[in-house]
């Protein structure tokens, strides 16, 4: 027999097997994705996360709510690790700026 004939038969068989496996693969249903479990640690007795969730649920009304403003300020204070309570000015707020830090006045 001719070697070209064997090559053609082999190529045809390869294509047939590849098509068959592709069709079988497409017919299978994908496995169900496992449900994602998200765990959030919340310290006991801390009302701030509950207040923040309530403010988030309020939408635009939360912008004018004093409770929400206080909760956001406390969250910022905790996140930025700022010492002092809500609404307290820094200890040296009344001190004048040093000459090197003072803004320069142009045009005078």
N, C-alpha and C. Protein backbone atom coordinates (compact mmCIF):
# COMPACT_ATOMS: atom_id res chain seq x y z
N UNK A 1 0.82 -1.17 0.00
CA UNK A 1 0.00 0.00 0.00
C UNK A 1 0.87 1.25 0.00
N UNK A 2 0.25 2.29 -0.35
CA UNK A 2 0.93 3.57 -0.49
C UNK A 2 0.98 4.28 0.88
N UNK A 3 2.11 4.96 1.21
CA UNK A 3 2.23 5.65 2.49
C UNK A 3 1.32 6.88 2.55
N UNK A 4 1.03 7.49 1.41
CA UNK A 4 0.12 8.63 1.41
C UNK A 4 -1.28 8.20 1.84
N UNK A 5 -1.66 7.00 1.48
CA UNK A 5 -2.98 6.50 1.87
C UNK A 5 -3.06 6.32 3.38
N UNK A 6 -1.98 5.78 3.99
CA UNK A 6 -1.96 5.62 5.44
C UNK A 6 -1.99 6.98 6.15
N UNK A 7 -1.31 7.94 5.60
CA UNK A 7 -1.29 9.28 6.19
C UNK A 7 -2.68 9.91 6.12
N UNK A 8 -3.36 9.73 5.02
CA UNK A 8 -4.71 10.29 4.88
C UNK A 8 -5.68 9.59 5.82
N UNK A 9 -5.57 8.30 5.94
CA UNK A 9 -6.46 7.55 6.85
C UNK A 9 -6.19 7.98 8.30
N UNK A 10 -4.90 8.14 8.65
CA UNK A 10 -4.54 8.57 10.01
C UNK A 10 -5.05 9.97 10.29
N UNK A 11 -4.90 10.88 9.34
CA UNK A 11 -5.38 12.25 9.53
C UNK A 11 -6.90 12.28 9.68
N UNK A 12 -7.59 11.51 8.87
CA UNK A 12 -9.05 11.44 8.95
C UNK A 12 -9.50 10.87 10.28
N UNK A 13 -8.81 9.83 10.75
CA UNK A 13 -9.16 9.23 12.04
C UNK A 13 -8.91 10.24 13.17
N UNK A 14 -7.81 10.96 13.08
CA UNK A 14 -7.49 11.97 14.10
C UNK A 14 -8.57 13.05 14.15
N UNK A 15 -8.98 13.54 13.00
CA UNK A 15 -10.03 14.57 12.95
C UNK A 15 -11.35 14.02 13.49
N UNK A 16 -11.67 12.77 13.14
CA UNK A 16 -12.92 12.17 13.63
C UNK A 16 -12.91 12.03 15.14
N UNK A 17 -11.79 11.58 15.70
CA UNK A 17 -11.69 11.43 17.16
C UNK A 17 -11.75 12.80 17.84
N UNK A 18 -11.07 13.79 17.28
CA UNK A 18 -11.09 15.13 17.87
C UNK A 18 -12.50 15.71 17.85
N UNK A 19 -13.21 15.56 16.76
CA UNK A 19 -14.59 16.07 16.68
C UNK A 19 -15.50 15.35 17.67
N UNK A 20 -15.34 14.03 17.76
CA UNK A 20 -16.18 13.25 18.68
C UNK A 20 -15.95 13.69 20.13
N UNK A 21 -14.68 13.84 20.51
CA UNK A 21 -14.39 14.26 21.88
C UNK A 21 -14.88 15.68 22.15
N UNK A 22 -14.79 16.55 21.17
CA UNK A 22 -15.28 17.92 21.34
C UNK A 22 -16.78 17.94 21.55
N UNK A 23 -17.51 17.16 20.76
CA UNK A 23 -18.96 17.11 20.89
C UNK A 23 -19.35 16.54 22.24
N UNK A 24 -18.66 15.49 22.69
CA UNK A 24 -18.97 14.91 24.00
C UNK A 24 -18.66 15.89 25.13
N UNK A 25 -17.59 16.63 24.99
CA UNK A 25 -17.23 17.62 26.01
C UNK A 25 -18.28 18.73 26.09
N UNK A 26 -18.79 19.16 24.96
CA UNK A 26 -19.78 20.24 24.95
C UNK A 26 -21.13 19.78 25.49
N UNK A 27 -21.42 18.50 25.39
CA UNK A 27 -22.70 17.99 25.86
C UNK A 27 -22.75 17.87 27.38
N UNK A 28 -21.61 17.74 28.04
CA UNK A 28 -21.59 17.59 29.49
C UNK A 28 -21.99 18.91 30.16
N UNK A 29 -22.71 18.79 31.26
CA UNK A 29 -23.07 19.98 32.02
C UNK A 29 -21.92 20.34 32.94
N UNK A 30 -21.62 21.62 33.02
CA UNK A 30 -20.52 22.03 33.92
C UNK A 30 -20.89 21.76 35.37
N UNK A 31 -19.92 21.43 36.20
CA UNK A 31 -20.24 21.18 37.61
C UNK A 31 -20.70 22.48 38.28
N UNK A 32 -21.58 22.34 39.23
CA UNK A 32 -22.11 23.51 39.93
C UNK A 32 -20.99 24.17 40.72
N UNK A 33 -20.92 25.48 40.62
CA UNK A 33 -19.89 26.22 41.34
C UNK A 33 -20.23 26.20 42.83
N UNK A 34 -19.23 25.97 43.67
CA UNK A 34 -19.52 25.97 45.11
C UNK A 34 -19.91 27.38 45.57
N UNK A 35 -20.86 27.42 46.48
CA UNK A 35 -21.30 28.73 46.97
C UNK A 35 -20.17 29.36 47.78
N UNK A 36 -20.01 30.66 47.59
CA UNK A 36 -18.93 31.39 48.24
C UNK A 36 -19.36 31.79 49.65
N UNK A 37 -18.53 31.49 50.61
CA UNK A 37 -18.82 31.83 51.99
C UNK A 37 -17.91 32.98 52.40
N UNK A 38 -18.52 34.08 52.80
CA UNK A 38 -17.76 35.25 53.23
C UNK A 38 -17.96 35.41 54.73
N UNK A 39 -16.85 35.44 55.44
CA UNK A 39 -16.90 35.59 56.89
C UNK A 39 -16.35 36.95 57.26
N UNK A 40 -17.14 37.70 58.01
CA UNK A 40 -16.73 39.03 58.44
C UNK A 40 -16.64 39.02 59.96
N UNK A 41 -15.49 39.43 60.48
CA UNK A 41 -15.32 39.49 61.92
C UNK A 41 -15.84 40.82 62.43
N UNK A 42 -16.73 40.74 63.38
CA UNK A 42 -17.25 41.94 64.02
C UNK A 42 -17.07 41.78 65.52
N UNK A 43 -16.39 42.72 66.15
CA UNK A 43 -16.22 42.61 67.59
C UNK A 43 -17.57 42.69 68.31
N UNK A 44 -17.67 41.93 69.40
CA UNK A 44 -18.93 41.92 70.15
C UNK A 44 -19.14 43.25 70.86
N UNK A 45 -20.36 43.71 70.85
CA UNK A 45 -20.71 44.92 71.57
C UNK A 45 -20.38 46.21 70.83
N UNK A 46 -19.91 46.15 69.62
CA UNK A 46 -19.58 47.36 68.87
C UNK A 46 -20.77 47.71 67.96
N UNK A 47 -21.47 48.81 68.23
CA UNK A 47 -22.65 49.15 67.43
C UNK A 47 -22.31 49.83 66.11
N UNK A 48 -21.04 50.17 65.88
CA UNK A 48 -20.67 50.92 64.68
C UNK A 48 -20.99 50.17 63.39
N UNK A 49 -20.64 48.88 63.24
CA UNK A 49 -20.97 48.20 61.97
C UNK A 49 -22.47 48.16 61.69
N UNK A 50 -23.27 47.99 62.73
CA UNK A 50 -24.73 47.97 62.54
C UNK A 50 -25.21 49.35 62.08
N UNK A 51 -24.66 50.40 62.69
CA UNK A 51 -25.05 51.76 62.32
C UNK A 51 -24.63 52.06 60.88
N UNK A 52 -23.43 51.63 60.48
CA UNK A 52 -22.97 51.89 59.12
C UNK A 52 -23.83 51.16 58.09
N UNK A 53 -24.24 49.93 58.42
CA UNK A 53 -25.13 49.20 57.50
C UNK A 53 -26.48 49.90 57.38
N UNK A 54 -26.99 50.40 58.49
CA UNK A 54 -28.27 51.12 58.46
C UNK A 54 -28.14 52.39 57.62
N UNK A 55 -27.02 53.08 57.76
CA UNK A 55 -26.82 54.29 56.96
C UNK A 55 -26.69 53.96 55.48
N UNK A 56 -26.03 52.85 55.17
CA UNK A 56 -25.91 52.45 53.77
C UNK A 56 -27.28 52.11 53.18
N UNK A 57 -28.16 51.55 54.00
CA UNK A 57 -29.50 51.20 53.52
C UNK A 57 -30.37 52.45 53.33
N UNK A 58 -30.05 53.53 54.03
CA UNK A 58 -30.84 54.76 53.92
C UNK A 58 -30.63 55.47 52.59
N UNK A 59 -29.50 55.27 51.97
CA UNK A 59 -29.23 55.93 50.70
C UNK A 59 -28.87 57.39 50.90
N UNK A 60 -29.45 58.27 50.08
CA UNK A 60 -29.12 59.70 50.14
C UNK A 60 -29.62 60.38 51.40
N UNK A 61 -30.61 59.81 52.06
CA UNK A 61 -31.10 60.41 53.30
C UNK A 61 -30.04 60.38 54.39
N UNK A 62 -29.09 59.46 54.27
CA UNK A 62 -28.04 59.35 55.29
C UNK A 62 -27.10 60.55 55.27
N UNK A 63 -27.05 61.27 54.16
CA UNK A 63 -26.17 62.44 54.08
C UNK A 63 -26.57 63.53 55.06
N UNK A 64 -27.85 63.63 55.37
CA UNK A 64 -28.31 64.68 56.27
C UNK A 64 -28.58 64.17 57.68
N UNK A 65 -28.40 62.87 57.92
CA UNK A 65 -28.66 62.31 59.24
C UNK A 65 -27.45 62.51 60.15
N UNK A 66 -27.63 63.15 61.31
CA UNK A 66 -26.49 63.37 62.20
C UNK A 66 -25.89 62.08 62.74
N UNK A 67 -26.73 61.06 62.95
CA UNK A 67 -26.21 59.77 63.43
C UNK A 67 -25.27 59.15 62.42
N UNK A 68 -25.62 59.26 61.15
CA UNK A 68 -24.76 58.68 60.10
C UNK A 68 -23.47 59.47 59.97
N UNK A 69 -23.57 60.78 60.08
CA UNK A 69 -22.35 61.59 60.01
C UNK A 69 -21.40 61.24 61.16
N UNK A 70 -21.95 61.04 62.34
CA UNK A 70 -21.12 60.67 63.50
C UNK A 70 -20.51 59.28 63.31
N UNK A 71 -21.30 58.36 62.75
CA UNK A 71 -20.78 57.01 62.52
C UNK A 71 -19.65 57.03 61.49
N UNK A 72 -19.81 57.80 60.44
CA UNK A 72 -18.75 57.89 59.41
C UNK A 72 -17.49 58.53 59.99
N UNK A 73 -17.67 59.55 60.83
CA UNK A 73 -16.51 60.19 61.45
C UNK A 73 -15.77 59.21 62.35
N UNK A 74 -16.51 58.41 63.09
CA UNK A 74 -15.88 57.42 63.96
C UNK A 74 -15.16 56.35 63.14
N UNK A 75 -15.77 55.94 62.03
CA UNK A 75 -15.12 54.96 61.15
C UNK A 75 -13.82 55.52 60.58
N UNK A 76 -13.84 56.77 60.14
CA UNK A 76 -12.61 57.41 59.64
C UNK A 76 -11.56 57.49 60.73
N UNK A 77 -11.99 57.86 61.93
CA UNK A 77 -11.05 57.98 63.04
C UNK A 77 -10.38 56.63 63.33
N UNK A 78 -11.18 55.57 63.33
CA UNK A 78 -10.61 54.24 63.57
C UNK A 78 -9.71 53.80 62.43
N UNK A 79 -10.14 54.05 61.21
CA UNK A 79 -9.37 53.61 60.05
C UNK A 79 -8.03 54.33 59.97
N UNK A 80 -8.05 55.63 60.22
CA UNK A 80 -6.83 56.43 60.13
C UNK A 80 -6.03 56.41 61.43
N UNK A 81 -6.57 55.75 62.45
CA UNK A 81 -5.92 55.65 63.76
C UNK A 81 -5.59 57.03 64.33
N UNK A 82 -6.56 57.92 64.29
CA UNK A 82 -6.40 59.27 64.81
C UNK A 82 -6.72 59.23 66.30
N UNK A 83 -5.86 59.86 67.09
CA UNK A 83 -6.11 59.92 68.53
C UNK A 83 -7.18 60.97 68.82
N UNK A 84 -7.93 60.78 69.88
CA UNK A 84 -8.96 61.75 70.25
C UNK A 84 -10.32 61.29 69.78
N UNK A 85 -11.33 61.91 70.29
CA UNK A 85 -12.70 61.54 69.96
C UNK A 85 -13.22 62.26 68.74
N UNK A 86 -14.50 62.07 68.48
CA UNK A 86 -15.13 62.68 67.33
C UNK A 86 -15.31 64.17 67.60
N UNK A 87 -14.90 65.00 66.67
CA UNK A 87 -15.12 66.42 66.77
C UNK A 87 -14.10 67.16 67.61
N UNK A 88 -13.13 66.46 68.17
CA UNK A 88 -12.11 67.15 68.96
C UNK A 88 -11.03 67.67 68.04
N UNK A 89 -10.63 68.94 68.20
CA UNK A 89 -9.54 69.45 67.37
C UNK A 89 -8.22 68.89 67.83
N UNK A 90 -7.20 68.88 67.00
CA UNK A 90 -5.89 68.42 67.43
C UNK A 90 -5.38 69.27 68.58
N UNK A 91 -4.43 68.73 69.35
CA UNK A 91 -3.95 69.41 70.55
C UNK A 91 -3.31 70.75 70.22
N UNK A 92 -2.63 70.87 69.09
CA UNK A 92 -1.93 72.10 68.74
C UNK A 92 -2.64 72.87 67.63
N UNK A 93 -3.96 72.86 67.63
CA UNK A 93 -4.72 73.51 66.56
C UNK A 93 -4.59 75.03 66.63
N UNK A 94 -4.40 75.59 67.85
CA UNK A 94 -4.33 77.03 67.99
C UNK A 94 -2.91 77.57 67.84
N UNK A 95 -1.93 76.70 67.76
CA UNK A 95 -0.54 77.14 67.65
C UNK A 95 -0.30 77.72 66.26
N UNK A 96 0.47 78.83 66.17
CA UNK A 96 0.74 79.42 64.85
C UNK A 96 1.69 78.54 64.05
N UNK A 97 1.60 78.65 62.74
CA UNK A 97 2.46 77.88 61.87
C UNK A 97 3.88 78.42 61.94
N UNK A 98 4.88 77.53 61.90
CA UNK A 98 6.25 78.02 61.83
C UNK A 98 6.45 78.77 60.52
N UNK A 99 7.47 79.65 60.50
CA UNK A 99 7.71 80.49 59.33
C UNK A 99 7.97 79.67 58.08
N UNK A 100 8.58 78.49 58.22
CA UNK A 100 8.89 77.67 57.04
C UNK A 100 7.63 77.01 56.48
N UNK A 101 6.60 76.78 57.33
CA UNK A 101 5.37 76.14 56.88
C UNK A 101 4.27 77.13 56.50
N UNK A 102 4.47 78.40 56.79
CA UNK A 102 3.44 79.38 56.51
C UNK A 102 3.33 79.59 54.99
N UNK A 103 2.11 79.72 54.48
CA UNK A 103 1.95 79.94 53.03
C UNK A 103 2.50 81.30 52.65
N UNK A 104 3.15 81.33 51.50
CA UNK A 104 3.73 82.58 51.03
C UNK A 104 2.66 83.42 50.36
N UNK A 105 2.70 84.72 50.63
CA UNK A 105 1.75 85.64 50.04
C UNK A 105 2.42 86.32 48.85
N UNK A 106 1.89 86.13 47.68
CA UNK A 106 2.46 86.73 46.49
C UNK A 106 1.69 88.01 46.17
N UNK A 107 2.39 88.97 45.59
CA UNK A 107 1.74 90.19 45.17
C UNK A 107 1.71 91.26 46.22
N UNK A 108 2.43 91.08 47.31
CA UNK A 108 2.44 92.12 48.35
C UNK A 108 3.79 92.75 48.44
